[in-house]
Amino acid sequence: MGYINSMPLPNNFASGDGLNTAGFNFAAPQRERQYDLSTKLDFTFNERHSSYVRYAQGSQSSLGDAGNGGRPRFPNAPNFVDTARTPKNLAVNWRWSHSPTVVNEFIYGFSKFFFSFATPQPDPNYAFVFQLPTDINTNFSYNARGVTTNQIVDNLTWVKGNHTIKTGINFRFNLHKDDRSGVAGTSVEPAMTFSFGTSSAGYSNFNIPANTTGINSTDLTRLHNTIADFLGRINSVSRAFVADPSNPNAFLSAWFPLAKQSKIQGIRFLLSR
């Protein structure tokens, strides 16, 4: 009841049933924080050799990300989702003119992009979902992933009369890290739902009439859901567990870092013309 009592009183009676339930409207904020840095240094060593180094990084944070349902539910509530993005890029180039007709260009590239969808103030005690009131918070922590790419490119160009011949290599190495609380359709944090049940047995203190024929079915369902929310009557409990790849028959703690991380490495060969 403490969570329900912390919610503000309704101010929109155009929603709801006009008697038992109503809505609450307010201008839920979303704020953006962003910076971008880009720099490049060019070097010319002599008429045959030149180089450049280019670096860029940035950060963009959507606080109360509306695109992911992250705005606060009420004025006194924390954001539901803050989204953070942190790209970084590096390129190192070396250009060698072997002769007026032969040019070789080498490039090393590094790219790292990480983004997360985090609950700014997760409440470990808020391990349930109400039937009727809008949930003011959640115990869900975050979902995040990042991709790191190392790339090596070397291109050789040879001009012979009316013909130009080009050849080269392109190696790209990707590392994908997935760090998440959402697993297998649920989360590593426990999640409970409430339900009134299929009968009124055990609810004698609420004076629910035995014969409900004259009660509107929608109103009756709303009454049942309200009682279930007030009592916290559990309907289902779900929680995900992640196995340790080195010991697939045993589960790890939900808070152990390896339980929420995976790595994927690979090499791709691309032939195009």
Protein backbone atom coordinates (compact mmCIF):
# COMPACT_ATOMS: atom_id res chain seq x y z
CA MET A 1 0.00 0.00 0.00
CA GLY A 2 2.94 2.33 0.53
CA TYR A 3 3.62 2.47 -3.21
CA ILE A 4 -0.03 3.14 -4.03
CA ASN A 5 -0.28 5.83 -1.36
CA SER A 6 2.79 7.57 -2.79
CA MET A 7 1.00 8.11 -6.10
CA PRO A 8 -0.70 11.52 -6.61
CA LEU A 9 -4.45 11.90 -6.66
CA PRO A 10 -6.12 11.81 -10.09
CA ASN A 11 -6.60 14.98 -12.11
CA ASN A 12 -8.16 13.58 -15.28
CA PHE A 13 -11.68 12.20 -14.90
CA ALA A 14 -12.23 11.84 -18.64
CA SER A 15 -10.40 8.52 -18.36
CA GLY A 16 -11.40 5.64 -16.13
CA ASP A 17 -14.98 4.64 -15.33
CA GLY A 18 -16.02 7.99 -13.88
CA LEU A 19 -16.58 6.58 -10.39
CA ASN A 20 -13.93 4.16 -9.18
CA THR A 21 -10.94 4.97 -11.38
CA ALA A 22 -9.53 8.07 -13.05
CA GLY A 23 -6.33 9.20 -14.72
CA PHE A 24 -3.42 11.50 -14.00
CA ASN A 25 -1.90 13.80 -16.61
CA PHE A 26 1.33 15.76 -16.43
CA ALA A 27 4.11 16.82 -18.80
CA ALA A 28 6.63 14.03 -18.24
CA PRO A 29 10.09 15.35 -19.10
CA GLN A 30 12.80 13.92 -21.32
CA ARG A 31 16.25 15.52 -21.27
CA GLU A 32 19.17 15.06 -23.65
CA ARG A 33 22.87 15.28 -22.81
CA GLN A 34 25.30 15.08 -25.69
CA TYR A 35 28.83 16.01 -26.71
CA ASP A 36 30.89 15.19 -29.81
CA LEU A 37 34.65 15.42 -30.30
CA SER A 38 36.41 15.00 -33.64
CA THR A 39 40.05 15.71 -34.45
CA LYS A 40 42.48 14.94 -37.28
CA LEU A 41 46.24 15.32 -37.67
CA ASP A 42 47.86 15.25 -41.12
CA PHE A 43 51.56 14.56 -41.72
CA THR A 44 53.62 14.90 -44.89
CA PHE A 45 57.07 13.38 -44.43
CA ASN A 46 58.32 13.78 -47.98
CA GLU A 47 57.00 13.62 -51.52
CA ARG A 48 56.38 9.88 -51.22
CA HIS A 49 55.12 9.36 -47.69
CA SER A 50 52.17 10.96 -45.91
CA SER A 51 49.93 9.98 -43.04
CA TYR A 52 46.96 11.05 -40.95
CA VAL A 53 45.42 10.15 -37.61
CA ARG A 54 41.72 10.78 -37.05
CA TYR A 55 39.88 10.29 -33.76
CA ALA A 56 36.27 10.87 -32.79
CA GLN A 57 34.21 10.13 -29.73
CA GLY A 58 30.96 11.26 -28.23
CA SER A 59 28.22 10.60 -25.76
CA GLN A 60 24.48 10.90 -26.07
CA SER A 61 22.21 10.22 -23.12
CA SER A 62 18.41 10.30 -23.29
CA LEU A 63 17.25 10.79 -19.70
CA GLY A 64 13.69 9.56 -19.47
CA ASP A 65 13.87 8.04 -22.95
CA ALA A 66 10.37 8.37 -24.40
CA GLY A 67 11.20 6.06 -27.30
CA ASN A 68 11.68 3.21 -24.82
CA GLY A 69 8.90 4.10 -22.39
CA GLY A 70 11.35 5.72 -20.04
CA ARG A 71 9.59 8.90 -18.92
CA PRO A 72 8.63 9.11 -15.22
CA ARG A 73 5.12 7.87 -14.46
CA PHE A 74 4.39 10.59 -11.92
CA PRO A 75 6.05 13.88 -10.92
CA ASN A 76 7.56 12.31 -7.79
CA ALA A 77 8.75 9.17 -9.60
CA PRO A 78 12.21 8.43 -11.07
CA ASN A 79 12.80 7.88 -14.77
CA PHE A 80 11.91 4.43 -16.00
CA VAL A 81 14.66 4.22 -18.65
CA ASP A 82 17.79 6.28 -19.28
CA THR A 83 19.50 5.42 -22.56
CA ALA A 84 23.25 6.01 -22.95
CA ARG A 85 25.34 5.78 -26.13
CA THR A 86 29.14 6.11 -26.21
CA PRO A 87 30.78 5.77 -29.67
CA LYS A 88 34.57 5.94 -30.20
CA ASN A 89 36.43 5.75 -33.52
CA LEU A 90 40.11 5.82 -34.51
CA ALA A 91 41.71 5.69 -37.97
CA VAL A 92 45.46 5.65 -38.75
CA ASN A 93 46.48 6.06 -42.40
CA TRP A 94 49.79 5.65 -44.21
CA ARG A 95 50.08 6.54 -47.91
CA TRP A 96 53.15 5.56 -49.92
CA SER A 97 53.74 6.65 -53.49
CA HIS A 98 56.22 4.08 -54.73
CA SER A 99 56.31 5.68 -58.16
CA PRO A 100 54.13 8.03 -60.21
CA THR A 101 52.03 5.01 -61.21
CA VAL A 102 52.02 2.86 -58.05
CA VAL A 103 50.40 3.99 -54.79
CA ASN A 104 49.83 1.94 -51.64
CA GLU A 105 47.50 3.03 -48.83
CA PHE A 106 47.28 1.34 -45.45
CA ILE A 107 44.54 2.08 -42.89
CA TYR A 108 44.02 0.74 -39.40
CA GLY A 109 40.60 1.40 -37.92
CA PHE A 110 39.20 0.94 -34.44
CA SER A 111 35.55 1.41 -33.52
CA LYS A 112 33.77 0.90 -30.22
CA PHE A 113 30.08 1.49 -29.66
CA PHE A 114 28.30 0.78 -26.39
CA PHE A 115 24.74 1.55 -25.41
CA SER A 116 22.61 0.73 -22.41
CA PHE A 117 18.98 0.97 -21.39
CA ALA A 118 19.13 1.39 -17.63
CA THR A 119 16.65 1.89 -14.83
CA PRO A 120 18.22 4.88 -13.01
CA GLN A 121 16.88 3.99 -9.56
CA PRO A 122 15.79 0.32 -9.53
CA ASP A 123 13.91 -0.66 -6.39
CA PRO A 124 14.74 -4.26 -5.34
CA ASN A 125 11.50 -4.39 -3.33
CA TYR A 126 9.35 -3.49 -6.34
CA ALA A 127 9.32 -7.04 -7.69
CA PHE A 128 5.71 -7.02 -8.92
CA VAL A 129 3.32 -5.50 -11.44
CA PHE A 130 0.05 -3.95 -10.30
CA GLN A 131 -3.21 -4.92 -12.00
CA LEU A 132 -4.74 -1.42 -11.96
CA PRO A 133 -2.44 1.43 -10.86
CA THR A 134 0.41 2.52 -13.08
CA ASP A 135 3.65 1.11 -11.68
CA ILE A 136 5.74 3.91 -10.20
CA ASN A 137 9.05 2.03 -10.43
CA THR A 138 10.58 -1.39 -11.15
CA ASN A 139 13.30 -3.69 -9.86
CA PHE A 140 14.65 -4.29 -13.38
CA SER A 141 18.25 -3.05 -13.68
CA TYR A 142 19.39 -2.71 -17.31
CA ASN A 143 20.02 -4.15 -20.74
CA ALA A 144 23.25 -3.24 -22.54
CA ARG A 145 25.46 -4.33 -25.38
CA GLY A 146 28.60 -3.17 -27.11
CA VAL A 147 30.49 -3.90 -30.32
CA THR A 148 34.25 -3.44 -30.74
CA THR A 149 35.70 -3.60 -34.26
CA ASN A 150 39.34 -3.71 -35.35
CA GLN A 151 39.87 -3.29 -39.09
CA ILE A 152 42.98 -3.51 -41.28
CA VAL A 153 42.77 -2.29 -44.88
CA ASP A 154 45.53 -2.16 -47.49
CA ASN A 155 44.88 -0.96 -51.03
CA LEU A 156 47.35 -0.99 -53.91
CA THR A 157 46.72 1.01 -57.09
CA TRP A 158 48.74 0.61 -60.30
CA VAL A 159 48.17 2.82 -63.32
CA LYS A 160 49.40 1.28 -66.56
CA GLY A 161 48.66 3.29 -69.67
CA ASN A 162 44.90 3.44 -70.14
CA HIS A 163 44.33 0.84 -67.44
CA THR A 164 44.06 1.05 -63.65
CA ILE A 165 44.55 -2.07 -61.57
CA LYS A 166 43.48 -2.11 -57.92
CA THR A 167 43.91 -4.82 -55.33
CA GLY A 168 43.94 -5.01 -51.57
CA ILE A 169 42.91 -6.71 -48.36
CA ASN A 170 40.29 -5.92 -45.74
CA PHE A 171 40.32 -7.72 -42.40
CA ARG A 172 37.63 -6.94 -39.85
CA PHE A 173 37.52 -8.42 -36.35
CA ASN A 174 34.35 -7.95 -34.29
CA LEU A 175 33.78 -8.51 -30.58
CA HIS A 176 30.17 -8.35 -29.37
CA LYS A 177 29.44 -8.10 -25.65
CA ASP A 178 25.89 -8.59 -24.43
CA ASP A 179 25.26 -7.57 -20.81
CA ARG A 180 21.60 -7.77 -19.86
CA SER A 181 19.05 -8.39 -17.16
CA GLY A 182 16.38 -9.45 -19.65
CA VAL A 183 16.82 -13.15 -20.40
CA ALA A 184 14.50 -15.75 -21.97
CA GLY A 185 11.45 -13.51 -22.01
CA THR A 186 11.81 -12.49 -18.36
CA SER A 187 14.64 -11.08 -16.23
CA VAL A 188 17.30 -12.15 -13.75
CA GLU A 189 15.42 -10.11 -11.16
CA PRO A 190 12.28 -11.80 -9.78
CA ALA A 191 8.96 -10.62 -11.23
CA MET A 192 5.53 -11.30 -9.71
CA THR A 193 1.99 -10.77 -10.97
CA PHE A 194 -1.13 -10.43 -8.86
CA SER A 195 -4.52 -12.09 -9.35
CA PHE A 196 -7.82 -12.34 -7.50
CA GLY A 197 -8.30 -15.95 -8.49
CA THR A 198 -11.32 -17.78 -9.88
CA SER A 199 -13.71 -17.52 -6.91
CA SER A 200 -14.58 -15.30 -3.95
CA ALA A 201 -13.71 -17.96 -1.41
CA GLY A 202 -11.45 -16.56 1.28
CA TYR A 203 -12.53 -12.94 0.75
CA SER A 204 -15.36 -12.80 3.32
CA ASN A 205 -13.99 -9.62 4.92
CA PHE A 206 -14.63 -7.72 1.69
CA ASN A 207 -18.39 -8.51 1.76
CA ILE A 208 -18.48 -9.61 -1.87
CA PRO A 209 -22.01 -10.88 -2.57
CA ALA A 210 -22.33 -14.54 -3.41
CA ASN A 211 -24.68 -13.71 -6.29
CA THR A 212 -22.97 -11.24 -8.64
CA THR A 213 -25.51 -11.54 -11.46
CA GLY A 214 -26.57 -7.89 -11.17
CA ILE A 215 -23.03 -6.49 -11.13
CA ASN A 216 -21.51 -5.26 -14.37
CA SER A 217 -18.78 -7.71 -15.39
CA THR A 218 -16.24 -4.91 -16.02
CA ASP A 219 -16.90 -3.38 -12.60
CA LEU A 220 -16.64 -6.79 -10.95
CA THR A 221 -13.30 -7.49 -12.62
CA ARG A 222 -12.03 -4.08 -11.56
CA LEU A 223 -13.10 -4.81 -7.97
CA HIS A 224 -11.33 -8.16 -8.01
CA ASN A 225 -8.15 -6.59 -9.41
CA THR A 226 -8.24 -3.84 -6.77
CA ILE A 227 -8.49 -6.41 -3.98
CA ALA A 228 -5.62 -8.42 -5.50
CA ASP A 229 -3.46 -5.28 -5.65
CA PHE A 230 -4.27 -4.29 -2.07
CA LEU A 231 -3.51 -7.75 -0.73
CA GLY A 232 -0.60 -8.47 -3.03
CA ARG A 233 -2.11 -11.85 -3.88
CA ILE A 234 0.52 -13.57 -5.99
CA ASN A 235 -0.52 -15.20 -9.23
CA SER A 236 2.86 -16.06 -10.79
CA VAL A 237 6.56 -15.63 -10.11
CA SER A 238 9.21 -15.67 -12.82
CA ARG A 239 12.98 -15.32 -12.83
CA ALA A 240 15.68 -16.15 -15.35
CA PHE A 241 18.93 -17.96 -14.62
CA VAL A 242 21.95 -18.16 -16.89
CA ALA A 243 24.21 -21.20 -17.01
CA ASP A 244 27.98 -21.01 -16.88
CA PRO A 245 29.24 -22.28 -20.31
CA SER A 246 32.05 -24.16 -18.57
CA ASN A 247 29.52 -25.93 -16.34
CA PRO A 248 26.17 -26.04 -18.16
CA ASN A 249 24.54 -28.24 -15.51
CA ALA A 250 24.87 -25.59 -12.80
CA PHE A 251 23.37 -22.13 -12.54
CA LEU A 252 25.29 -19.06 -11.49
CA SER A 253 24.10 -16.25 -9.26
CA ALA A 254 22.17 -13.58 -11.14
CA TRP A 255 24.69 -10.99 -9.97
CA PHE A 256 27.84 -12.83 -11.03
CA PRO A 257 29.28 -10.94 -14.03
CA LEU A 258 29.82 -14.01 -16.20
CA ALA A 259 26.14 -14.89 -15.89
CA LYS A 260 25.16 -11.92 -18.03
CA GLN A 261 28.02 -11.68 -20.53
CA SER A 262 28.71 -13.36 -23.81
CA LYS A 263 31.38 -12.91 -26.46
CA ILE A 264 31.16 -13.54 -30.18
CA GLN A 265 34.24 -13.42 -32.40
CA GLY A 266 34.48 -14.09 -36.07
CA ILE A 267 36.22 -13.37 -39.35
CA ARG A 268 34.32 -12.53 -42.52
CA PHE A 269 35.71 -12.94 -46.05
CA LEU A 270 33.93 -10.81 -48.64
CA LEU A 271 34.55 -11.12 -52.37
CA SER A 272 32.83 -8.53 -54.54
CA ARG A 273 33.16 -7.22 -58.05
